[in-house]
């Protein structure tokens, strides 16, 4: 259940003046429930409204510190079950640096994407699927020609009794197939 507080108590909790809280209530920023302020709702509203680059004017009393003070008053050690779970927060002094680093990283990524886009448009980069299709289209006949050498040349190689002549026939055929393969197959874009 959420804790309802008077405007004065909430102002003390946040470390601001009672008049400031009263002004927020009057302007409709903070809502009253049965004449009191819901602490959790008001905290979220004020945190959402606050500019992250501006430091807090006054220190607010943190719930853990408040529980420890109450435990000291009552001479009971604080129990972990009483301590509310706080989300991990970034210290406010580091927030401007963090925002600046994030902005720099974002701008760097935008520049990288623009460079890639320019290279794609200029023809230096092509689509991977398109490149694979072109390579397959170009190298498939080379593979087929190399595999068909025994069928095409078997009669000539059988007829040749000279070892050097057999070598020359095979060598010339392989060179012819590879010369066909070395012709440029990627066309330059303009």
N, C-alpha and C. Protein backbone atom coordinates (compact mmCIF):
# COMPACT_ATOMS: atom_id res chain seq x y z
N UNK A 1 0.84 -1.17 0.00
CA UNK A 1 0.00 0.00 0.00
C UNK A 1 0.89 1.24 0.00
N UNK A 2 0.47 2.23 -0.72
CA UNK A 2 1.26 3.46 -0.82
C UNK A 2 1.04 4.32 0.41
N UNK A 3 2.05 5.11 0.68
CA UNK A 3 2.01 5.95 1.87
C UNK A 3 1.48 7.33 1.51
N UNK A 4 0.46 7.78 2.27
CA UNK A 4 -0.08 9.13 2.08
C UNK A 4 0.59 10.05 3.09
N UNK A 5 0.98 11.24 2.62
CA UNK A 5 1.70 12.19 3.47
C UNK A 5 1.06 13.58 3.33
N UNK A 6 1.21 14.38 4.33
CA UNK A 6 0.77 15.77 4.23
C UNK A 6 1.75 16.50 3.32
N UNK A 7 1.33 17.67 2.85
CA UNK A 7 2.19 18.44 1.96
C UNK A 7 3.49 18.84 2.67
N UNK A 8 3.38 19.18 3.94
CA UNK A 8 4.57 19.57 4.72
C UNK A 8 5.53 18.39 4.86
N UNK A 9 4.97 17.21 5.19
CA UNK A 9 5.81 16.02 5.36
C UNK A 9 6.47 15.62 4.04
N UNK A 10 5.71 15.73 2.96
CA UNK A 10 6.28 15.38 1.65
C UNK A 10 7.38 16.36 1.25
N UNK A 11 7.17 17.64 1.55
CA UNK A 11 8.19 18.65 1.25
C UNK A 11 9.47 18.33 2.02
N UNK A 12 9.33 17.94 3.27
CA UNK A 12 10.49 17.59 4.10
C UNK A 12 11.17 16.34 3.53
N UNK A 13 10.35 15.37 3.11
CA UNK A 13 10.87 14.13 2.52
C UNK A 13 11.69 14.42 1.26
N UNK A 14 11.24 15.33 0.42
CA UNK A 14 11.93 15.65 -0.82
C UNK A 14 13.05 16.66 -0.64
N UNK A 15 13.05 17.36 0.47
CA UNK A 15 14.09 18.37 0.70
C UNK A 15 13.80 19.67 -0.03
N UNK A 16 12.51 19.97 -0.21
CA UNK A 16 12.11 21.22 -0.85
C UNK A 16 11.19 21.97 0.10
N UNK A 17 10.81 23.18 -0.29
CA UNK A 17 9.95 23.98 0.60
C UNK A 17 8.49 23.53 0.50
N UNK A 18 7.76 23.79 1.56
CA UNK A 18 6.33 23.48 1.60
C UNK A 18 5.59 24.29 0.54
N UNK A 19 6.04 25.54 0.33
CA UNK A 19 5.39 26.41 -0.65
C UNK A 19 5.52 25.83 -2.08
N UNK A 20 6.68 25.25 -2.36
CA UNK A 20 6.89 24.66 -3.68
C UNK A 20 5.93 23.50 -3.92
N UNK A 21 5.78 22.63 -2.92
CA UNK A 21 4.85 21.50 -3.04
C UNK A 21 3.43 22.01 -3.15
N UNK A 22 3.08 23.02 -2.37
CA UNK A 22 1.74 23.61 -2.42
C UNK A 22 1.47 24.17 -3.82
N UNK A 23 2.48 24.80 -4.42
CA UNK A 23 2.33 25.35 -5.77
C UNK A 23 2.11 24.24 -6.79
N UNK A 24 2.83 23.12 -6.64
CA UNK A 24 2.66 21.99 -7.55
C UNK A 24 1.26 21.39 -7.43
N UNK A 25 0.74 21.34 -6.20
CA UNK A 25 -0.62 20.83 -5.98
C UNK A 25 -1.63 21.77 -6.64
N UNK A 26 -1.43 23.06 -6.43
CA UNK A 26 -2.35 24.07 -6.97
C UNK A 26 -2.34 24.06 -8.50
N UNK A 27 -1.17 23.83 -9.11
CA UNK A 27 -1.06 23.79 -10.57
C UNK A 27 -1.54 22.46 -11.16
N UNK A 28 -1.83 21.49 -10.32
CA UNK A 28 -2.33 20.20 -10.79
C UNK A 28 -1.25 19.21 -11.15
N UNK A 29 0.00 19.53 -10.85
CA UNK A 29 1.10 18.59 -11.13
C UNK A 29 1.02 17.41 -10.17
N UNK A 30 0.82 17.71 -8.89
CA UNK A 30 0.66 16.68 -7.87
C UNK A 30 -0.82 16.62 -7.48
N UNK A 31 -1.34 15.40 -7.36
CA UNK A 31 -2.75 15.23 -6.99
C UNK A 31 -2.87 14.81 -5.53
N UNK A 32 -3.93 15.26 -4.93
CA UNK A 32 -4.20 14.90 -3.53
C UNK A 32 -5.19 13.74 -3.49
N UNK A 33 -4.97 12.85 -2.55
CA UNK A 33 -5.91 11.76 -2.29
C UNK A 33 -6.34 11.91 -0.84
N UNK A 34 -7.59 12.17 -0.64
CA UNK A 34 -8.14 12.41 0.71
C UNK A 34 -7.36 13.51 1.43
N UNK A 35 -6.98 14.54 0.65
CA UNK A 35 -6.29 15.69 1.23
C UNK A 35 -4.81 15.48 1.47
N UNK A 36 -4.27 14.33 1.04
CA UNK A 36 -2.85 14.05 1.26
C UNK A 36 -2.19 13.63 -0.06
N UNK A 37 -0.88 13.61 -0.06
CA UNK A 37 -0.10 13.27 -1.26
C UNK A 37 0.33 11.81 -1.19
N UNK A 38 0.13 11.09 -2.28
CA UNK A 38 0.64 9.72 -2.42
C UNK A 38 2.13 9.83 -2.74
N UNK A 39 2.98 9.38 -1.82
CA UNK A 39 4.42 9.58 -1.94
C UNK A 39 4.99 8.95 -3.21
N UNK A 40 4.64 7.69 -3.50
CA UNK A 40 5.20 7.00 -4.67
C UNK A 40 4.79 7.67 -5.97
N UNK A 41 3.53 8.00 -6.08
CA UNK A 41 3.03 8.65 -7.29
C UNK A 41 3.68 10.02 -7.47
N UNK A 42 3.80 10.78 -6.39
CA UNK A 42 4.39 12.11 -6.46
C UNK A 42 5.88 12.02 -6.81
N UNK A 43 6.57 11.02 -6.27
CA UNK A 43 7.99 10.85 -6.60
C UNK A 43 8.17 10.58 -8.09
N UNK A 44 7.34 9.69 -8.63
CA UNK A 44 7.44 9.38 -10.06
C UNK A 44 7.10 10.61 -10.91
N UNK A 45 6.09 11.36 -10.51
CA UNK A 45 5.70 12.55 -11.25
C UNK A 45 6.82 13.58 -11.25
N UNK A 46 7.42 13.82 -10.11
CA UNK A 46 8.49 14.81 -10.03
C UNK A 46 9.74 14.35 -10.77
N UNK A 47 10.04 13.05 -10.72
CA UNK A 47 11.22 12.53 -11.41
C UNK A 47 11.03 12.64 -12.93
N UNK A 48 9.81 12.39 -13.40
CA UNK A 48 9.54 12.50 -14.84
C UNK A 48 9.58 13.95 -15.30
N UNK A 49 9.26 14.86 -14.42
CA UNK A 49 9.19 16.29 -14.74
C UNK A 49 10.56 16.95 -14.67
N UNK A 50 11.47 16.40 -13.90
CA UNK A 50 12.77 17.01 -13.66
C UNK A 50 13.68 16.88 -14.88
N UNK A 51 14.46 17.90 -15.15
CA UNK A 51 15.43 17.85 -16.23
C UNK A 51 16.66 17.09 -15.72
N UNK A 52 17.09 16.04 -16.43
CA UNK A 52 18.18 15.20 -15.92
C UNK A 52 19.53 15.92 -15.83
N UNK A 53 19.74 16.96 -16.60
CA UNK A 53 21.03 17.64 -16.58
C UNK A 53 21.18 18.58 -15.40
N UNK A 54 20.06 18.96 -14.80
CA UNK A 54 20.12 19.89 -13.67
C UNK A 54 20.31 19.10 -12.37
N UNK A 55 21.23 19.54 -11.54
CA UNK A 55 21.41 18.84 -10.26
C UNK A 55 20.27 19.18 -9.30
N UNK A 56 20.06 18.29 -8.33
CA UNK A 56 19.04 18.55 -7.32
C UNK A 56 19.50 19.73 -6.46
N UNK A 57 18.54 20.55 -6.06
CA UNK A 57 18.90 21.71 -5.25
C UNK A 57 19.24 21.30 -3.83
N UNK A 58 18.46 20.39 -3.31
CA UNK A 58 18.69 19.92 -1.95
C UNK A 58 18.68 18.41 -1.94
N UNK A 59 19.29 17.85 -0.96
CA UNK A 59 19.30 16.39 -0.85
C UNK A 59 17.95 15.93 -0.33
N UNK A 60 17.45 14.88 -0.94
CA UNK A 60 16.22 14.29 -0.43
C UNK A 60 16.59 13.14 0.50
N UNK A 61 15.72 12.80 1.41
CA UNK A 61 15.97 11.72 2.35
C UNK A 61 15.66 10.42 1.64
N UNK A 62 16.65 9.59 1.51
CA UNK A 62 16.47 8.30 0.84
C UNK A 62 15.74 7.34 1.78
N UNK A 63 14.93 6.44 1.23
CA UNK A 63 14.19 5.48 2.06
C UNK A 63 15.11 4.62 2.95
N UNK A 64 16.27 4.19 2.45
CA UNK A 64 17.17 3.36 3.25
C UNK A 64 17.67 4.14 4.46
N UNK A 65 18.04 5.41 4.22
CA UNK A 65 18.52 6.24 5.32
C UNK A 65 17.41 6.47 6.34
N UNK A 66 16.19 6.66 5.83
CA UNK A 66 15.06 6.90 6.72
C UNK A 66 14.80 5.67 7.59
N UNK A 67 14.88 4.48 7.03
CA UNK A 67 14.65 3.24 7.79
C UNK A 67 15.75 3.06 8.83
N UNK A 68 17.00 3.37 8.44
CA UNK A 68 18.11 3.24 9.39
C UNK A 68 17.92 4.21 10.57
N UNK A 69 17.46 5.44 10.30
CA UNK A 69 17.23 6.41 11.37
C UNK A 69 16.11 5.94 12.29
N UNK A 70 15.05 5.40 11.70
CA UNK A 70 13.94 4.91 12.51
C UNK A 70 14.39 3.72 13.37
N UNK A 71 15.25 2.86 12.81
CA UNK A 71 15.74 1.70 13.55
C UNK A 71 16.62 2.15 14.72
N UNK A 72 17.40 3.21 14.52
CA UNK A 72 18.23 3.72 15.60
C UNK A 72 17.37 4.29 16.71
N UNK A 73 16.30 4.97 16.34
CA UNK A 73 15.40 5.56 17.34
C UNK A 73 14.75 4.47 18.18
N UNK A 74 14.33 3.39 17.50
CA UNK A 74 13.64 2.33 18.23
C UNK A 74 14.60 1.27 18.76
N UNK A 75 15.92 1.45 18.52
CA UNK A 75 16.97 0.54 19.00
C UNK A 75 16.84 -0.86 18.40
N UNK A 76 16.20 -0.97 17.23
CA UNK A 76 16.10 -2.25 16.53
C UNK A 76 17.03 -2.21 15.34
N UNK A 77 17.73 -3.32 15.07
CA UNK A 77 18.55 -3.33 13.86
C UNK A 77 17.64 -3.38 12.62
N UNK A 78 17.99 -2.69 11.56
CA UNK A 78 17.15 -2.73 10.36
C UNK A 78 17.16 -4.12 9.75
N UNK A 79 16.00 -4.56 9.32
CA UNK A 79 15.88 -5.87 8.70
C UNK A 79 15.81 -5.69 7.20
N UNK A 80 16.37 -6.65 6.48
CA UNK A 80 16.41 -6.52 5.03
C UNK A 80 15.00 -6.59 4.44
N UNK A 81 14.05 -7.23 5.12
CA UNK A 81 12.69 -7.30 4.61
C UNK A 81 12.02 -5.94 4.63
N UNK A 82 12.44 -5.07 5.58
CA UNK A 82 11.85 -3.75 5.66
C UNK A 82 12.42 -2.80 4.61
N UNK A 83 13.60 -3.12 4.09
CA UNK A 83 14.26 -2.24 3.13
C UNK A 83 13.60 -2.42 1.76
N UNK A 84 13.08 -1.36 1.17
CA UNK A 84 12.48 -1.50 -0.15
C UNK A 84 13.56 -1.69 -1.22
N UNK A 85 13.23 -2.43 -2.24
CA UNK A 85 14.18 -2.67 -3.33
C UNK A 85 14.28 -1.40 -4.16
N UNK A 86 15.48 -0.90 -4.34
CA UNK A 86 15.70 0.30 -5.13
C UNK A 86 16.32 -0.10 -6.46
N UNK A 87 15.80 0.44 -7.56
CA UNK A 87 16.44 0.14 -8.84
C UNK A 87 17.81 0.79 -8.89
N UNK A 88 18.71 0.18 -9.65
CA UNK A 88 20.06 0.72 -9.76
C UNK A 88 19.98 2.05 -10.49
N UNK A 89 20.48 3.09 -9.86
CA UNK A 89 20.43 4.41 -10.46
C UNK A 89 21.84 4.91 -10.72
N UNK A 90 21.94 5.76 -11.69
CA UNK A 90 23.22 6.37 -12.03
C UNK A 90 23.35 7.62 -11.18
N UNK A 91 24.51 7.84 -10.55
CA UNK A 91 24.68 9.06 -9.77
C UNK A 91 24.45 10.29 -10.64
N UNK A 92 23.76 11.26 -10.10
CA UNK A 92 23.36 12.43 -10.88
C UNK A 92 24.56 13.22 -11.40
N UNK A 93 25.67 13.17 -10.70
CA UNK A 93 26.85 13.89 -11.16
C UNK A 93 27.40 13.28 -12.45
N UNK A 94 27.20 11.97 -12.67
CA UNK A 94 27.69 11.29 -13.86
C UNK A 94 26.71 11.37 -15.02
N UNK A 95 25.50 11.82 -14.80
CA UNK A 95 24.48 11.82 -15.85
C UNK A 95 24.85 12.68 -17.05
N UNK A 96 25.34 13.92 -16.90
CA UNK A 96 25.70 14.68 -18.10
C UNK A 96 26.79 14.00 -18.92
N UNK A 97 27.77 13.39 -18.27
CA UNK A 97 28.83 12.68 -18.97
C UNK A 97 28.25 11.48 -19.71
N UNK A 98 27.37 10.75 -19.07
CA UNK A 98 26.74 9.59 -19.69
C UNK A 98 25.91 9.99 -20.90
N UNK A 99 25.15 11.08 -20.76
CA UNK A 99 24.35 11.55 -21.89
C UNK A 99 25.23 11.99 -23.05
N UNK A 100 26.33 12.65 -22.75
CA UNK A 100 27.25 13.09 -23.79
C UNK A 100 27.87 11.89 -24.50
N UNK A 101 28.29 10.88 -23.75
CA UNK A 101 28.88 9.68 -24.34
C UNK A 101 27.85 8.97 -25.23
N UNK A 102 26.62 8.90 -24.77
CA UNK A 102 25.56 8.26 -25.54
C UNK A 102 25.31 9.01 -26.84
N UNK A 103 25.29 10.32 -26.77
CA UNK A 103 25.08 11.16 -27.96
C UNK A 103 26.22 10.97 -28.95
N UNK A 104 27.46 10.94 -28.45
CA UNK A 104 28.62 10.74 -29.32
C UNK A 104 28.54 9.38 -30.00
N UNK A 105 28.19 8.35 -29.23
CA UNK A 105 28.08 7.00 -29.81
C UNK A 105 27.00 6.94 -30.88
N UNK A 106 25.88 7.59 -30.60
CA UNK A 106 24.78 7.62 -31.56
C UNK A 106 25.20 8.31 -32.86
N UNK A 107 25.87 9.45 -32.74
CA UNK A 107 26.32 10.18 -33.92
C UNK A 107 27.37 9.38 -34.70
N UNK A 108 28.26 8.68 -33.99
CA UNK A 108 29.26 7.85 -34.66
C UNK A 108 28.60 6.75 -35.47
N UNK A 109 27.58 6.12 -34.91
CA UNK A 109 26.86 5.05 -35.62
C UNK A 109 26.14 5.62 -36.85
N UNK A 110 25.58 6.82 -36.73
CA UNK A 110 24.93 7.45 -37.88
C UNK A 110 25.93 7.70 -39.01
N UNK A 111 27.13 8.16 -38.65
CA UNK A 111 28.17 8.42 -39.65
C UNK A 111 28.57 7.12 -40.35
N UNK A 112 28.72 6.04 -39.59
CA UNK A 112 29.08 4.75 -40.18
C UNK A 112 28.01 4.29 -41.17
N UNK A 113 26.74 4.44 -40.79
CA UNK A 113 25.66 4.04 -41.68
C UNK A 113 25.64 4.88 -42.96
N UNK A 114 25.90 6.18 -42.83
CA UNK A 114 25.94 7.04 -44.01
C UNK A 114 27.10 6.67 -44.94
N UNK A 115 28.25 6.31 -44.36
CA UNK A 115 29.39 5.88 -45.18
C UNK A 115 29.05 4.61 -45.95
N UNK A 116 28.42 3.66 -45.29
CA UNK A 116 28.03 2.42 -45.96
C UNK A 116 27.03 2.71 -47.07
N UNK A 117 26.05 3.57 -46.78
CA UNK A 117 25.04 3.92 -47.78
C UNK A 117 25.69 4.56 -49.00
N UNK A 118 26.67 5.46 -48.79
CA UNK A 118 27.37 6.10 -49.91
C UNK A 118 28.16 5.09 -50.73
N UNK A 119 28.79 4.13 -50.06
CA UNK A 119 29.56 3.12 -50.78
C UNK A 119 28.65 2.19 -51.58
N UNK A 120 27.46 1.90 -51.04
CA UNK A 120 26.50 1.07 -51.77
C UNK A 120 26.04 1.82 -53.02
N UNK A 121 25.73 3.11 -52.86
CA UNK A 121 25.26 3.90 -54.00
C UNK A 121 26.35 4.09 -55.04
N UNK A 122 27.60 4.18 -54.63
CA UNK A 122 28.69 4.37 -55.59
C UNK A 122 29.11 3.04 -56.24
N UNK A 123 28.62 1.93 -55.74
CA UNK A 123 28.92 0.64 -56.34
C UNK A 123 30.09 -0.09 -55.71
N UNK A 124 30.67 0.46 -54.66
CA UNK A 124 31.77 -0.23 -54.00
C UNK A 124 31.28 -1.42 -53.20
N UNK A 125 30.08 -1.32 -52.67
CA UNK A 125 29.47 -2.44 -51.94
C UNK A 125 28.26 -2.92 -52.72
N UNK A 126 28.08 -4.23 -52.75
CA UNK A 126 26.90 -4.79 -53.39
C UNK A 126 26.20 -5.70 -52.40
N UNK A 127 24.98 -6.03 -52.71
CA UNK A 127 24.18 -6.90 -51.86
C UNK A 127 24.80 -8.30 -51.84
N UNK A 128 24.85 -8.90 -50.68
CA UNK A 128 25.47 -10.22 -50.52
C UNK A 128 24.78 -11.27 -51.39
N UNK A 129 23.46 -11.30 -51.40
CA UNK A 129 22.73 -12.28 -52.20
C UNK A 129 23.02 -12.10 -53.69
N UNK A 130 23.09 -10.84 -54.11
CA UNK A 130 23.40 -10.53 -55.50
C UNK A 130 24.81 -11.02 -55.86
N UNK A 131 25.77 -10.79 -54.95
CA UNK A 131 27.15 -11.21 -55.18
C UNK A 131 27.25 -12.74 -55.25
N UNK A 132 26.57 -13.42 -54.34
CA UNK A 132 26.60 -14.89 -54.35
C UNK A 132 26.00 -15.44 -55.63
N UNK A 133 24.92 -14.83 -56.10
CA UNK A 133 24.29 -15.29 -57.34
C UNK A 133 25.23 -15.08 -58.53
N UNK A 134 25.93 -13.93 -58.57
CA UNK A 134 26.87 -13.66 -59.67
C UNK A 134 28.05 -14.62 -59.63
N UNK A 135 28.57 -14.88 -58.46
CA UNK A 135 29.71 -15.79 -58.33
C UNK A 135 29.31 -17.20 -58.74
N UNK A 136 28.14 -17.65 -58.29
CA UNK A 136 27.68 -18.98 -58.66
C UNK A 136 27.50 -19.07 -60.18
N UNK A 137 26.89 -18.04 -60.75
CA UNK A 137 26.64 -18.02 -62.20
C UNK A 137 27.95 -18.07 -62.97
N UNK A 138 28.98 -17.42 -62.44
CA UNK A 138 30.26 -17.35 -63.13
C UNK A 138 31.10 -18.61 -62.93
N UNK A 139 31.09 -19.18 -61.74
CA UNK A 139 31.97 -20.31 -61.44
C UNK A 139 31.37 -21.68 -61.75
N UNK A 140 30.07 -21.74 -61.92
CA UNK A 140 29.44 -23.03 -62.23
C UNK A 140 29.95 -23.61 -63.56
N UNK A 141 30.06 -22.79 -64.63
CA UNK A 141 30.60 -23.35 -65.88
C UNK A 141 32.06 -23.79 -65.74
N UNK A 142 32.85 -23.09 -64.93
CA UNK A 142 34.25 -23.48 -64.71
C UNK A 142 34.30 -24.87 -64.08
N UNK A 143 33.48 -25.05 -63.07
CA UNK A 143 33.42 -26.36 -62.39
C UNK A 143 33.00 -27.45 -63.38
N UNK A 144 31.96 -27.16 -64.15
CA UNK A 144 31.46 -28.15 -65.10
C UNK A 144 32.52 -28.48 -66.16
N UNK A 145 33.23 -27.45 -66.65
CA UNK A 145 34.28 -27.68 -67.66
C UNK A 145 35.42 -28.51 -67.10
N UNK A 146 35.82 -28.23 -65.85
CA UNK A 146 36.90 -29.01 -65.25
C UNK A 146 36.48 -30.47 -65.05
N UNK A 147 35.25 -30.68 -64.64
CA UNK A 147 34.79 -32.06 -64.42
C UNK A 147 34.59 -32.83 -65.74
N UNK A 148 34.41 -32.10 -66.82
CA UNK A 148 34.19 -32.80 -68.11
C UNK A 148 35.48 -33.06 -68.88
N UNK A 149 36.63 -32.66 -68.35
CA UNK A 149 37.91 -32.89 -69.04
C UNK A 149 38.13 -34.37 -69.36
N UNK A 150 37.95 -35.29 -68.41
CA UNK A 150 38.18 -36.71 -68.75
C UNK A 150 37.29 -37.20 -69.89
N UNK A 151 36.04 -36.77 -69.92
CA UNK A 151 35.13 -37.23 -70.99
C UNK A 151 35.55 -36.66 -72.35
N UNK A 152 35.93 -35.39 -72.39
CA UNK A 152 36.28 -34.75 -73.65
C UNK A 152 37.64 -35.20 -74.18
N UNK A 153 38.59 -35.41 -73.28
CA UNK A 153 39.96 -35.67 -73.73
C UNK A 153 40.39 -37.13 -73.63
N UNK A 154 39.52 -37.99 -73.20
CA UNK A 154 39.93 -39.39 -73.01
C UNK A 154 40.43 -40.03 -74.30
N UNK A 155 39.79 -39.75 -75.43
CA UNK A 155 40.22 -40.35 -76.70
C UNK A 155 41.59 -39.82 -77.10
N UNK A 156 41.79 -38.49 -76.99
CA UNK A 156 43.08 -37.90 -77.36
C UNK A 156 44.20 -38.39 -76.45
N UNK A 157 43.90 -38.51 -75.15
CA UNK A 157 44.93 -38.95 -74.20
C UNK A 157 45.28 -40.42 -74.40
N UNK A 158 44.29 -41.23 -74.78
CA UNK A 158 44.53 -42.66 -75.01
C UNK A 158 45.36 -42.85 -76.27
N UNK A 159 45.08 -42.04 -77.27
CA UNK A 159 45.81 -42.15 -78.54
C UNK A 159 47.26 -41.69 -78.39
N UNK A 160 47.49 -40.79 -77.48
CA UNK A 160 48.85 -40.25 -77.32
C UNK A 160 49.69 -41.21 -76.49
N UNK A 161 50.84 -41.62 -77.07
CA UNK A 161 51.74 -42.51 -76.38
C UNK A 161 52.82 -41.74 -75.63
N UNK A 162 53.01 -40.50 -75.99
CA UNK A 162 54.07 -39.68 -75.41
C UNK A 162 53.58 -39.02 -74.12
N UNK A 163 54.34 -39.20 -73.09
CA UNK A 163 53.98 -38.63 -71.78
C UNK A 163 53.96 -37.11 -71.83
N UNK A 164 54.88 -36.49 -72.50
CA UNK A 164 54.94 -35.03 -72.60
C UNK A 164 53.76 -34.48 -73.40
N UNK A 165 53.38 -35.20 -74.43
CA UNK A 165 52.23 -34.76 -75.24
C UNK A 165 50.94 -34.85 -74.42
N UNK A 166 50.79 -35.89 -73.60
CA UNK A 166 49.62 -36.04 -72.74
C UNK A 166 49.57 -34.89 -71.73
N UNK A 167 50.71 -34.60 -71.17
CA UNK A 167 50.79 -33.48 -70.21
C UNK A 167 50.39 -32.17 -70.87
N UNK A 168 50.90 -31.93 -72.11
CA UNK A 168 50.60 -30.69 -72.82
C UNK A 168 49.11 -30.58 -73.12
N UNK A 169 48.47 -31.67 -73.52
CA UNK A 169 47.03 -31.64 -73.83
C UNK A 169 46.24 -31.26 -72.57
N UNK A 170 46.55 -31.92 -71.48
CA UNK A 170 45.85 -31.62 -70.21
C UNK A 170 46.12 -30.19 -69.75
N UNK A 171 47.37 -29.78 -69.81
CA UNK A 171 47.74 -28.43 -69.36
C UNK A 171 47.03 -27.37 -70.20
N UNK A 172 47.04 -27.51 -71.51
CA UNK A 172 46.39 -26.53 -72.40
C UNK A 172 44.89 -26.43 -72.12
N UNK A 173 44.26 -27.56 -71.88
CA UNK A 173 42.80 -27.54 -71.61
C UNK A 173 42.49 -26.84 -70.29
N UNK A 174 43.27 -27.11 -69.25
CA UNK A 174 43.05 -26.46 -67.94
C UNK A 174 43.30 -24.96 -68.04
N UNK A 175 44.36 -24.56 -68.75
CA UNK A 175 44.66 -23.14 -68.93
C UNK A 175 43.52 -22.45 -69.68
N UNK A 176 42.98 -23.09 -70.72
CA UNK A 176 41.87 -22.51 -71.50
C UNK A 176 40.64 -22.27 -70.61
N UNK A 177 40.32 -23.25 -69.74
CA UNK A 177 39.17 -23.12 -68.84
C UNK A 177 39.39 -22.01 -67.82
N UNK A 178 40.60 -21.95 -67.26
CA UNK A 178 40.89 -20.92 -66.25
C UNK A 178 40.99 -19.53 -66.88
N UNK A 179 41.46 -19.43 -68.13
CA UNK A 179 41.48 -18.13 -68.81
C UNK A 179 40.05 -17.60 -69.01
N UNK A 180 39.14 -18.49 -69.35
CA UNK A 180 37.73 -18.09 -69.48
C UNK A 180 37.19 -17.58 -68.14
N UNK A 181 37.65 -18.20 -67.05
CA UNK A 181 37.14 -17.83 -65.72
C UNK A 181 37.70 -16.51 -65.23
N UNK A 182 38.86 -16.09 -65.75
CA UNK A 182 39.47 -14.85 -65.23
C UNK A 182 38.94 -13.59 -65.89
N UNK A 183 38.07 -13.71 -66.85
CA UNK A 183 37.47 -12.51 -67.44
C UNK A 183 36.63 -11.82 -66.37
N UNK A 184 36.68 -10.47 -66.33
CA UNK A 184 35.93 -9.77 -65.28
C UNK A 184 34.42 -10.01 -65.41
N UNK A 185 33.80 -10.32 -64.29
CA UNK A 185 32.37 -10.58 -64.32
C UNK A 185 31.57 -9.60 -63.48
N UNK A 186 32.24 -8.76 -62.70
CA UNK A 186 31.54 -7.70 -61.96
C UNK A 186 31.64 -6.43 -62.79
N UNK A 187 30.51 -5.93 -63.20
CA UNK A 187 30.48 -4.71 -64.00
C UNK A 187 30.48 -3.51 -63.08
N UNK A 188 31.24 -2.49 -63.46
CA UNK A 188 31.30 -1.27 -62.67
C UNK A 188 30.00 -0.49 -62.86
N UNK A 189 29.48 0.01 -61.75
CA UNK A 189 28.29 0.86 -61.81
C UNK A 189 28.70 2.30 -62.00
N UNK A 190 27.88 3.03 -62.65
CA UNK A 190 28.18 4.46 -62.83
C UNK A 190 27.11 5.29 -62.25
